[in-house]
Amino acid sequence: MVLFVARLDKMDNLKDSQPCSHCYKVIKKLGIKKIVYSTDQNNYDYCKTVDYEPSSISLGYSYIRDGYKKITKKN
C-alpha cells in the first residue's frame, strides 16, 4: 500500500507535506509500505516507510494534543 500526501497553498503551489512523527507511527501501524509527499520545491518525494525518518510534530497534531488551544507558527 502507498500513501500519497499533498499540500497546496492559496496559489495551488505544492507545499511540504512530510508526515510528522505522530503520523509516522500511525502509518507504520497501518502497514503502509511507501510514502509519497509534496515538497516546498513544488515537487514530490518518496521513500519506503522503513527508510523514512520523521523530523517534527505537525501544527495540527500540536493543536489537538494541547486541547485545541490557539497556537502560532514559529518562523
Protein backbone atom coordinates (compact mmCIF):
# COMPACT_ATOMS: atom_id res chain seq x y z
CA MET A 1 0.00 0.00 0.00
CA VAL A 2 1.20 3.52 -0.87
CA LEU A 3 0.22 6.70 0.98
CA PHE A 4 0.10 9.88 -1.12
CA VAL A 5 0.07 13.20 0.79
CA ALA A 6 -0.07 16.62 -0.88
CA ARG A 7 -0.49 20.13 0.47
CA LEU A 8 -1.29 23.22 -1.62
CA ASP A 9 -1.04 26.92 -0.85
CA LYS A 10 -3.58 29.54 -1.98
CA MET A 11 -1.89 29.74 -5.40
CA ASP A 12 -2.05 25.94 -5.87
CA ASN A 13 1.71 25.53 -5.41
CA LEU A 14 2.82 22.36 -3.67
CA LYS A 15 4.00 22.79 -0.08
CA ASP A 16 5.85 20.50 2.32
CA SER A 17 3.59 17.66 3.46
CA GLN A 18 6.09 15.29 5.06
CA PRO A 19 4.34 13.17 7.69
CA CYS A 20 5.11 14.22 11.27
CA SER A 21 6.39 11.79 13.89
CA HIS A 22 2.87 11.07 15.21
CA CYS A 23 1.53 10.38 11.70
CA TYR A 24 4.53 8.16 11.02
CA LYS A 25 3.60 5.91 13.95
CA VAL A 26 0.09 5.51 12.50
CA ILE A 27 1.48 4.87 9.01
CA LYS A 28 3.68 2.07 10.35
CA LYS A 29 0.81 0.59 12.37
CA LEU A 30 -1.40 0.52 9.25
CA GLY A 31 1.27 -1.38 7.30
CA ILE A 32 1.77 1.26 4.61
CA LYS A 33 4.89 0.32 2.64
CA LYS A 34 5.70 3.55 0.76
CA ILE A 35 5.10 7.28 1.38
CA VAL A 36 4.83 9.91 -1.38
CA TYR A 37 4.66 13.55 -0.22
CA SER A 38 4.86 17.05 -1.68
CA THR A 39 7.82 19.36 -1.05
CA ASP A 40 8.32 23.14 -0.90
CA GLN A 41 10.17 22.89 -4.22
CA ASN A 42 6.82 22.25 -5.99
CA ASN A 43 7.74 18.59 -6.42
CA TYR A 44 7.17 15.19 -4.83
CA ASP A 45 9.49 12.93 -2.86
CA TYR A 46 9.01 9.30 -1.91
CA CYS A 47 10.56 6.60 0.22
CA LYS A 48 9.88 3.26 1.78
CA THR A 49 8.23 3.62 5.17
CA VAL A 50 11.07 1.70 6.86
CA ASP A 51 13.56 4.29 5.48
CA TYR A 52 11.57 7.40 6.48
CA GLU A 53 12.79 9.48 9.42
CA PRO A 54 10.21 11.96 10.74
CA SER A 55 11.69 15.22 11.98
CA SER A 56 8.81 17.13 13.54
CA ILE A 57 5.37 17.23 15.09
CA SER A 58 2.79 18.98 12.90
CA LEU A 59 0.94 22.13 13.96
CA GLY A 60 -2.33 20.23 13.58
CA TYR A 61 -1.27 17.47 15.95
CA SER A 62 0.09 20.05 18.43
CA TYR A 63 -3.29 21.79 18.37
CA ILE A 64 -5.13 18.55 19.20
CA ARG A 65 -2.55 17.49 21.80
CA ASP A 66 -2.79 20.85 23.58
CA GLY A 67 -6.57 20.71 23.93
CA TYR A 68 -7.42 22.85 20.89
CA LYS A 69 -5.70 25.94 22.28
CA LYS A 70 -4.67 28.55 19.72
CA ILE A 71 -1.08 28.07 18.58
CA THR A 72 1.14 30.26 16.45
CA LYS A 73 3.55 29.04 13.83
CA LYS A 74 7.19 29.74 14.66
CA ASN A 75 9.42 31.04 11.85
